[in-house]
PDB file of N, CA and C in Angstrom:
ATOM      1  N   MET A   1      55.100  59.531 138.198  1.00  0.00           N
ATOM      2  CA  MET A   1      54.858  58.431 137.233  1.00  0.00           C
ATOM      3  C   MET A   1      54.911  58.918 135.801  1.00  0.00           C
ATOM      4  N   ARG A   2      55.849  58.474 135.083  1.00  0.00           N
ATOM      5  CA  ARG A   2      56.037  58.855 133.705  1.00  0.00           C
ATOM      6  C   ARG A   2      55.349  57.800 132.794  1.00  0.00           C
ATOM      7  N   THR A   3      54.474  58.240 131.967  1.00  0.00           N
ATOM      8  CA  THR A   3      53.802  57.305 131.045  1.00  0.00           C
ATOM      9  C   THR A   3      54.087  57.633 129.637  1.00  0.00           C
ATOM     10  N   LEU A   4      54.964  58.622 129.365  1.00  0.00           N
ATOM     11  CA  LEU A   4      55.280  59.008 127.968  1.00  0.00           C
ATOM     12  C   LEU A   4      56.125  57.862 127.363  1.00  0.00           C
ATOM     13  N   ARG A   5      55.723  57.395 126.252  1.00  0.00           N
ATOM     14  CA  ARG A   5      56.460  56.355 125.543  1.00  0.00           C
ATOM     15  C   ARG A   5      56.254  56.454 124.051  1.00  0.00           C
ATOM     16  N   GLU A   6      57.083  55.826 123.307  1.00  0.00           N
ATOM     17  CA  GLU A   6      56.941  55.855 121.882  1.00  0.00           C
ATOM     18  C   GLU A   6      56.399  54.547 121.370  1.00  0.00           C
ATOM     19  N   VAL A   7      55.443  54.617 120.495  1.00  0.00           N
ATOM     20  CA  VAL A   7      54.828  53.458 119.869  1.00  0.00           C
ATOM     21  C   VAL A   7      54.986  53.744 118.328  1.00  0.00           C
ATOM     22  N   GLY A   8      55.941  53.061 117.725  1.00  0.00           N
ATOM     23  CA  GLY A   8      56.182  53.428 116.296  1.00  0.00           C
ATOM     24  C   GLY A   8      56.647  54.840 116.180  1.00  0.00           C
ATOM     25  N   ALA A   9      55.950  55.638 115.385  1.00  0.00           N
ATOM     26  CA  ALA A   9      56.293  57.030 115.208  1.00  0.00           C
ATOM     27  C   ALA A   9      55.458  57.962 116.081  1.00  0.00           C
ATOM     28  N   VAL A  10      54.509  57.354 116.815  1.00  0.00           N
ATOM     29  CA  VAL A  10      53.551  58.161 117.619  1.00  0.00           C
ATOM     30  C   VAL A  10      53.943  58.014 119.086  1.00  0.00           C
ATOM     31  N   ARG A  11      54.130  59.175 119.722  1.00  0.00           N
ATOM     32  CA  ARG A  11      54.398  59.115 121.200  1.00  0.00           C
ATOM     33  C   ARG A  11      53.082  59.119 121.892  1.00  0.00           C
ATOM     34  N   THR A  12      53.026  58.467 123.056  1.00  0.00           N
ATOM     35  CA  THR A  12      51.763  58.419 123.817  1.00  0.00           C
ATOM     36  C   THR A  12      52.015  59.042 125.194  1.00  0.00           C
ATOM     37  N   VAL A  13      50.983  59.582 125.748  1.00  0.00           N
ATOM     38  CA  VAL A  13      51.023  60.256 127.067  1.00  0.00           C
ATOM     39  C   VAL A  13      49.660  60.118 127.741  1.00  0.00           C
ATOM     40  N   SER A  14      49.595  59.990 129.030  1.00  0.00           N
ATOM     41  CA  SER A  14      48.370  59.906 129.723  1.00  0.00           C
ATOM     42  C   SER A  14      47.651  61.248 129.784  1.00  0.00           C
ATOM     43  N   VAL A  15      46.381  61.208 130.000  1.00  0.00           N
ATOM     44  CA  VAL A  15      45.651  62.492 130.167  1.00  0.00           C
ATOM     45  C   VAL A  15      46.198  63.367 131.278  1.00  0.00           C
ATOM     46  N   ARG A  16      46.554  62.736 132.370  1.00  0.00           N
ATOM     47  CA  ARG A  16      47.115  63.488 133.519  1.00  0.00           C
ATOM     48  C   ARG A  16      48.406  64.183 133.090  1.00  0.00           C
ATOM     49  N   GLU A  17      49.292  63.424 132.447  1.00  0.00           N
ATOM     50  CA  GLU A  17      50.567  64.020 132.044  1.00  0.00           C
ATOM     51  C   GLU A  17      50.408  65.084 130.966  1.00  0.00           C
ATOM     52  N   ALA A  18      49.370  64.920 130.092  1.00  0.00           N
ATOM     53  CA  ALA A  18      49.119  65.881 129.040  1.00  0.00           C
ATOM     54  C   ALA A  18      48.637  67.194 129.685  1.00  0.00           C
ATOM     55  N   ARG A  19      47.874  67.126 130.752  1.00  0.00           N
ATOM     56  CA  ARG A  19      47.492  68.283 131.437  1.00  0.00           C
ATOM     57  C   ARG A  19      48.733  69.039 132.066  1.00  0.00           C
ATOM     58  N   GLN A  20      49.594  68.289 132.616  1.00  0.00           N
ATOM     59  CA  GLN A  20      50.764  68.835 133.298  1.00  0.00           C
ATOM     60  C   GLN A  20      51.746  69.432 132.249  1.00  0.00           C
ATOM     61  N   ARG A  21      51.891  68.831 131.125  1.00  0.00           N
ATOM     62  CA  ARG A  21      52.934  69.158 130.165  1.00  0.00           C
ATOM     63  C   ARG A  21      52.410  69.693 128.860  1.00  0.00           C
ATOM     64  N   LEU A  22      51.188  70.214 128.893  1.00  0.00           N
ATOM     65  CA  LEU A  22      50.554  70.706 127.637  1.00  0.00           C
ATOM     66  C   LEU A  22      51.376  71.629 126.847  1.00  0.00           C
ATOM     67  N   PRO A  23      52.000  72.664 127.407  1.00  0.00           N
ATOM     68  CA  PRO A  23      52.773  73.623 126.589  1.00  0.00           C
ATOM     69  C   PRO A  23      53.952  72.937 125.842  1.00  0.00           C
ATOM     70  N   ALA A  24      54.635  71.976 126.538  1.00  0.00           N
ATOM     71  CA  ALA A  24      55.719  71.317 125.947  1.00  0.00           C
ATOM     72  C   ALA A  24      55.234  70.370 124.837  1.00  0.00           C
ATOM     73  N   LEU A  25      54.089  69.707 125.095  1.00  0.00           N
ATOM     74  CA  LEU A  25      53.540  68.781 124.083  1.00  0.00           C
ATOM     75  C   LEU A  25      53.077  69.580 122.839  1.00  0.00           C
ATOM     76  N   LEU A  26      52.528  70.738 123.061  1.00  0.00           N
ATOM     77  CA  LEU A  26      52.133  71.547 121.866  1.00  0.00           C
ATOM     78  C   LEU A  26      53.324  71.965 121.054  1.00  0.00           C
ATOM     79  N   ASN A  27      54.422  72.323 121.733  1.00  0.00           N
ATOM     80  CA  ASN A  27      55.649  72.673 120.989  1.00  0.00           C
ATOM     81  C   ASN A  27      56.180  71.536 120.207  1.00  0.00           C
ATOM     82  N   GLN A  28      56.101  70.258 120.810  1.00  0.00           N
ATOM     83  CA  GLN A  28      56.580  69.060 120.093  1.00  0.00           C
ATOM     84  C   GLN A  28      55.716  68.819 118.874  1.00  0.00           C
ATOM     85  N   ALA A  29      54.359  68.961 119.031  1.00  0.00           N
ATOM     86  CA  ALA A  29      53.449  68.717 117.883  1.00  0.00           C
ATOM     87  C   ALA A  29      53.704  69.711 116.783  1.00  0.00           C
ATOM     88  N   HIS A  30      53.967  71.001 117.199  1.00  0.00           N
ATOM     89  CA  HIS A  30      54.246  72.058 116.231  1.00  0.00           C
ATOM     90  C   HIS A  30      55.528  71.744 115.484  1.00  0.00           C
ATOM     91  N   ALA A  31      56.480  71.077 116.144  1.00  0.00           N
ATOM     92  CA  ALA A  31      57.765  70.715 115.516  1.00  0.00           C
ATOM     93  C   ALA A  31      57.632  69.483 114.616  1.00  0.00           C
ATOM     94  N   GLY A  32      56.479  68.864 114.575  1.00  0.00           N
ATOM     95  CA  GLY A  32      56.263  67.770 113.591  1.00  0.00           C
ATOM     96  C   GLY A  32      55.959  66.416 114.268  1.00  0.00           C
ATOM     97  N   GLU A  33      55.962  66.271 115.541  1.00  0.00           N
ATOM     98  CA  GLU A  33      55.683  65.066 116.252  1.00  0.00           C
ATOM     99  C   GLU A  33      54.186  64.822 116.404  1.00  0.00           C
ATOM    100  N   GLU A  34      53.789  63.570 116.337  1.00  0.00           N
ATOM    101  CA  GLU A  34      52.426  63.169 116.714  1.00  0.00           C
ATOM    102  C   GLU A  34      52.367  62.644 118.127  1.00  0.00           C
ATOM    103  N   ILE A  35      51.427  63.009 118.914  1.00  0.00           N
ATOM    104  CA  ILE A  35      51.349  62.595 120.335  1.00  0.00           C
ATOM    105  C   ILE A  35      49.906  62.134 120.526  1.00  0.00           C
ATOM    106  N   ALA A  36      49.807  60.859 120.991  1.00  0.00           N
ATOM    107  CA  ALA A  36      48.505  60.296 121.285  1.00  0.00           C
ATOM    108  C   ALA A  36      48.239  60.441 122.764  1.00  0.00           C
ATOM    109  N   VAL A  37      47.018  60.886 123.135  1.00  0.00           N
ATOM    110  CA  VAL A  37      46.688  61.036 124.547  1.00  0.00           C
ATOM    111  C   VAL A  37      45.826  59.866 124.917  1.00  0.00           C
ATOM    112  N   LEU A  38      46.248  59.143 126.031  1.00  0.00           N
ATOM    113  CA  LEU A  38      45.537  57.899 126.426  1.00  0.00           C
ATOM    114  C   LEU A  38      44.819  58.106 127.736  1.00  0.00           C
ATOM    115  N   ARG A  39      43.594  57.592 127.822  1.00  0.00           N
ATOM    116  CA  ARG A  39      42.856  57.513 129.034  1.00  0.00           C
ATOM    117  C   ARG A  39      42.659  55.994 129.376  1.00  0.00           C
ATOM    118  N   ARG A  40      43.296  55.582 130.450  1.00  0.00           N
ATOM    119  CA  ARG A  40      43.256  54.186 130.839  1.00  0.00           C
ATOM    120  C   ARG A  40      43.702  53.272 129.682  1.00  0.00           C
ATOM    121  N   GLY A  41      44.673  53.651 128.982  1.00  0.00           N
ATOM    122  CA  GLY A  41      45.291  52.878 127.918  1.00  0.00           C
ATOM    123  C   GLY A  41      44.552  52.937 126.586  1.00  0.00           C
ATOM    124  N   VAL A  42      43.475  53.759 126.481  1.00  0.00           N
ATOM    125  CA  VAL A  42      42.733  53.846 125.224  1.00  0.00           C
ATOM    126  C   VAL A  42      42.969  55.306 124.718  1.00  0.00           C
ATOM    127  N   GLU A  43      43.286  55.355 123.390  1.00  0.00           N
ATOM    128  CA  GLU A  43      43.538  56.701 122.806  1.00  0.00           C
ATOM    129  C   GLU A  43      42.247  57.454 122.732  1.00  0.00           C
ATOM    130  N   VAL A  44      42.336  58.649 123.276  1.00  0.00           N
ATOM    131  CA  VAL A  44      41.094  59.561 123.273  1.00  0.00           C
ATOM    132  C   VAL A  44      41.370  60.792 122.489  1.00  0.00           C
ATOM    133  N   ALA A  45      42.564  61.111 122.203  1.00  0.00           N
ATOM    134  CA  ALA A  45      42.907  62.358 121.404  1.00  0.00           C
ATOM    135  C   ALA A  45      44.286  62.192 120.804  1.00  0.00           C
ATOM    136  N   ARG A  46      44.520  63.053 119.871  1.00  0.00           N
ATOM    137  CA  ARG A  46      45.869  62.991 119.251  1.00  0.00           C
ATOM    138  C   ARG A  46      46.248  64.435 118.885  1.00  0.00           C
ATOM    139  N   LEU A  47      47.483  64.849 119.268  1.00  0.00           N
ATOM    140  CA  LEU A  47      47.997  66.113 118.891  1.00  0.00           C
ATOM    141  C   LEU A  47      48.873  65.857 117.629  1.00  0.00           C
ATOM    142  N   VAL A  48      48.567  66.578 116.605  1.00  0.00           N
ATOM    143  CA  VAL A  48      49.250  66.400 115.318  1.00  0.00           C
ATOM    144  C   VAL A  48      49.766  67.774 114.856  1.00  0.00           C
ATOM    145  N   PRO A  49      50.816  67.784 114.074  1.00  0.00           N
ATOM    146  CA  PRO A  49      51.265  69.092 113.541  1.00  0.00           C
ATOM    147  C   PRO A  49      50.278  69.701 112.665  1.00  0.00           C
ATOM    148  N   PRO A  50      50.296  71.031 112.558  1.00  0.00           N
ATOM    149  CA  PRO A  50      49.347  71.719 111.654  1.00  0.00           C
ATOM    150  C   PRO A  50      49.726  71.309 110.196  1.00  0.00           C
ATOM    151  N   PRO A  51      48.650  71.364 109.319  1.00  0.00           N
ATOM    152  CA  PRO A  51      48.947  71.045 107.949  1.00  0.00           C
ATOM    153  C   PRO A  51      49.898  72.005 107.365  1.00  0.00           C
ATOM    154  N   ARG A  52      50.761  71.580 106.508  1.00  0.00           N
ATOM    155  CA  ARG A  52      51.704  72.463 105.828  1.00  0.00           C
ATOM    156  C   ARG A  52      51.046  73.274 104.802  1.00  0.00           C
ATOM    157  N   THR A  53      51.344  74.558 104.800  1.00  0.00           N
ATOM    158  CA  THR A  53      50.716  75.429 103.838  1.00  0.00           C
ATOM    159  C   THR A  53      51.479  75.331 102.521  1.00  0.00           C
ATOM    160  N   PRO A  54      50.820  75.315 101.395  1.00  0.00           N
ATOM    161  CA  PRO A  54      51.532  75.217 100.141  1.00  0.00           C
ATOM    162  C   PRO A  54      52.318  76.527  99.929  1.00  0.00           C
ATOM    163  N   SER A  55      53.395  76.319  99.250  1.00  0.00           N
ATOM    164  CA  SER A  55      54.291  77.446  99.020  1.00  0.00           C
ATOM    165  C   SER A  55      53.528  78.516  98.156  1.00  0.00           C
ATOM    166  N   ARG A  56      53.839  79.730  98.368  1.00  0.00           N
ATOM    167  CA  ARG A  56      53.181  80.827  97.606  1.00  0.00           C
ATOM    168  C   ARG A  56      53.578  80.763  96.164  1.00  0.00           C
ATOM    169  N   LEU A  57      52.807  81.374  95.358  1.00  0.00           N
ATOM    170  CA  LEU A  57      53.152  81.423  93.912  1.00  0.00           C
ATOM    171  C   LEU A  57      54.363  82.256  93.733  1.00  0.00           C
ATOM    172  N   PRO A  58      55.138  81.965  92.734  1.00  0.00           N
ATOM    173  CA  PRO A  58      56.350  82.751  92.463  1.00  0.00           C
ATOM    174  C   PRO A  58      56.021  84.176  92.094  1.00  0.00           C
ATOM    175  N   ASP A  59      56.965  85.026  92.267  1.00  0.00           N
ATOM    176  CA  ASP A  59      56.825  86.424  91.973  1.00  0.00           C
ATOM    177  C   ASP A  59      56.665  86.574  90.413  1.00  0.00           C
ATOM    178  N   LEU A  60      55.551  87.221  90.018  1.00  0.00           N
ATOM    179  CA  LEU A  60      55.343  87.351  88.578  1.00  0.00           C
ATOM    180  C   LEU A  60      55.693  88.692  88.034  1.00  0.00           C
ATOM    181  N   THR A  61      56.495  89.453  88.706  1.00  0.00           N
ATOM    182  CA  THR A  61      56.849  90.764  88.243  1.00  0.00           C
ATOM    183  C   THR A  61      57.565  90.741  86.915  1.00  0.00           C
ATOM    184  N   GLU A  62      58.539  89.838  86.786  1.00  0.00           N
ATOM    185  CA  GLU A  62      59.323  89.777  85.503  1.00  0.00           C
ATOM    186  C   GLU A  62      58.393  89.248  84.371  1.00  0.00           C
ATOM    187  N   PHE A  63      57.536  88.343  84.654  1.00  0.00           N
ATOM    188  CA  PHE A  63      56.654  87.834  83.618  1.00  0.00           C
ATOM    189  C   PHE A  63      55.750  88.946  83.161  1.00  0.00           C
ATOM    190  N   ARG A  64      55.157  89.667  84.081  1.00  0.00           N
ATOM    191  CA  ARG A  64      54.238  90.808  83.681  1.00  0.00           C
ATOM    192  C   ARG A  64      54.938  91.846  82.835  1.00  0.00           C
ATOM    193  N   ALA A  65      56.198  92.107  83.207  1.00  0.00           N
ATOM    194  CA  ALA A  65      56.936  93.081  82.464  1.00  0.00           C
ATOM    195  C   ALA A  65      57.306  92.593  81.079  1.00  0.00           C
ATOM    196  N   SER A  66      57.374  91.262  80.845  1.00  0.00           N
ATOM    197  CA  SER A  66      57.716  90.728  79.579  1.00  0.00           C
ATOM    198  C   SER A  66      56.509  90.638  78.586  1.00  0.00           C
ATOM    199  N   VAL A  67      55.292  90.772  79.159  1.00  0.00           N
ATOM    200  CA  VAL A  67      54.151  90.677  78.312  1.00  0.00           C
ATOM    201  C   VAL A  67      53.851  92.010  77.664  1.00  0.00           C
ATOM    202  N   ARG A  68      53.697  91.920  76.364  1.00  0.00           N
ATOM    203  CA  ARG A  68      53.392  93.165  75.564  1.00  0.00           C
ATOM    204  C   ARG A  68      51.902  93.400  75.627  1.00  0.00           C
ATOM    205  N   VAL A  69      51.544  94.639  75.925  1.00  0.00           N
ATOM    206  CA  VAL A  69      50.105  94.959  75.904  1.00  0.00           C
ATOM    207  C   VAL A  69      49.749  95.500  74.514  1.00  0.00           C
ATOM    208  N   ARG A  70      48.734  94.901  73.923  1.00  0.00           N
ATOM    209  CA  ARG A  70      48.349  95.311  72.578  1.00  0.00           C
ATOM    210  C   ARG A  70      46.898  95.849  72.628  1.00  0.00           C
ATOM    211  N   GLY A  71      46.617  96.660  71.689  1.00  0.00           N
ATOM    212  CA  GLY A  71      45.296  97.253  71.650  1.00  0.00           C
ATOM    213  C   GLY A  71      45.072  98.402  72.524  1.00  0.00           C
ATOM    214  N   GLN A  72      43.822  98.802  72.667  1.00  0.00           N
ATOM    215  CA  GLN A  72      43.459  99.930  73.492  1.00  0.00           C
ATOM    216  C   GLN A  72      43.281  99.492  74.957  1.00  0.00           C
ATOM    217  N   PRO A  73      43.267 100.420  75.872  1.00  0.00           N
ATOM    218  CA  PRO A  73      42.997 100.065  77.247  1.00  0.00           C
ATOM    219  C   PRO A  73      41.607  99.496  77.385  1.00  0.00           C
ATOM    220  N   LEU A  74      41.393  98.678  78.358  1.00  0.00           N
ATOM    221  CA  LEU A  74      40.139  98.008  78.521  1.00  0.00           C
ATOM    222  C   LEU A  74      38.935  99.005  78.657  1.00  0.00           C
ATOM    223  N   SER A  75      39.182 100.042  79.322  1.00  0.00           N
ATOM    224  CA  SER A  75      38.066 101.044  79.493  1.00  0.00           C
ATOM    225  C   SER A  75      37.625 101.571  78.114  1.00  0.00           C
ATOM    226  N   ALA A  76      38.573 101.833  77.199  1.00  0.00           N
ATOM    227  CA  ALA A  76      38.246 102.260  75.875  1.00  0.00           C
ATOM    228  C   ALA A  76      37.454 101.244  75.111  1.00  0.00           C
ATOM    229  N   GLU A  77      37.832  99.941  75.292  1.00  0.00           N
ATOM    230  CA  GLU A  77      37.128  98.869  74.643  1.00  0.00           C
ATOM    231  C   GLU A  77      35.690  98.780  75.114  1.00  0.00           C
ATOM    232  N   VAL A  78      35.431  98.986  76.429  1.00  0.00           N
ATOM    233  CA  VAL A  78      34.131  98.913  77.033  1.00  0.00           C
ATOM    234  C   VAL A  78      33.268 100.036  76.459  1.00  0.00           C
ATOM    235  N   VAL A  79      33.828 101.277  76.421  1.00  0.00           N
ATOM    236  CA  VAL A  79      33.072 102.409  75.892  1.00  0.00           C
ATOM    237  C   VAL A  79      32.729 102.172  74.443  1.00  0.00           C
ATOM    238  N   ALA A  80      33.607 101.676  73.645  1.00  0.00           N
ATOM    239  CA  ALA A  80      33.371 101.420  72.243  1.00  0.00           C
ATOM    240  C   ALA A  80      32.292 100.343  72.092  1.00  0.00           C
ATOM    241  N   GLY A  81      32.348  99.356  72.953  1.00  0.00           N
ATOM    242  CA  GLY A  81      31.298  98.296  72.914  1.00  0.00           C
ATOM    243  C   GLY A  81      29.971  98.785  73.254  1.00  0.00           C
ATOM    244  N   ARG A  82      29.905  99.693  74.250  1.00  0.00           N
ATOM    245  CA  ARG A  82      28.557 100.268  74.570  1.00  0.00           C
ATOM    246  C   ARG A  82      28.028 101.140  73.533  1.00  0.00           C
ATOM    247  N   LYS A  83      28.870 101.871  72.848  1.00  0.00           N
ATOM    248  CA  LYS A  83      28.384 102.769  71.765  1.00  0.00           C
ATOM    249  C   LYS A  83      27.857 101.948  70.631  1.00  0.00           C
ATOM    250  N   GLY A  84      28.456 100.813  70.340  1.00  0.00           N
ATOM    251  CA  GLY A  84      27.998 100.032  69.214  1.00  0.00           C
ATOM    252  C   GLY A  84      26.889  99.022  69.540  1.00  0.00           C
ATOM    253  N   ALA A  85      26.571  98.944  70.835  1.00  0.00           N
ATOM    254  CA  ALA A  85      25.553  97.945  71.225  1.00  0.00           C
ATOM    255  C   ALA A  85      24.118  98.415  70.927  1.00  0.00           C
ATOM    256  N   ARG A  86      23.253  97.496  70.674  1.00  0.00           N
ATOM    257  CA  ARG A  86      21.862  97.795  70.382  1.00  0.00           C
ATOM    258  C   ARG A  86      21.105  97.636  71.703  1.00  0.00           C
ATOM    259  N   TYR A  87      20.299  98.673  72.022  1.00  0.00           N
ATOM    260  CA  TYR A  87      19.488  98.590  73.283  1.00  0.00           C
ATOM    261  C   TYR A  87      18.012  98.558  72.892  1.00  0.00           C
TER     262      TYR A  87
END
């Protein structure tokens, strides 16, 4: 008995068939499909694709190389600040 059908953009499958075909259904969900799992015609669960991860930040190597460093190193600034601080 095949109960897999499409309703709009969401495919539906019975609980029984979901148990039998879980690896294939997970692959389909990973590929971008939504699958509703029905128990006696009522939706009880939904397999959805994982959220898309935002793209990584661009490589900043060239930007960092183009920035001119001015002044003393930070460690020297900290030492100078401590010497001039009032305790």
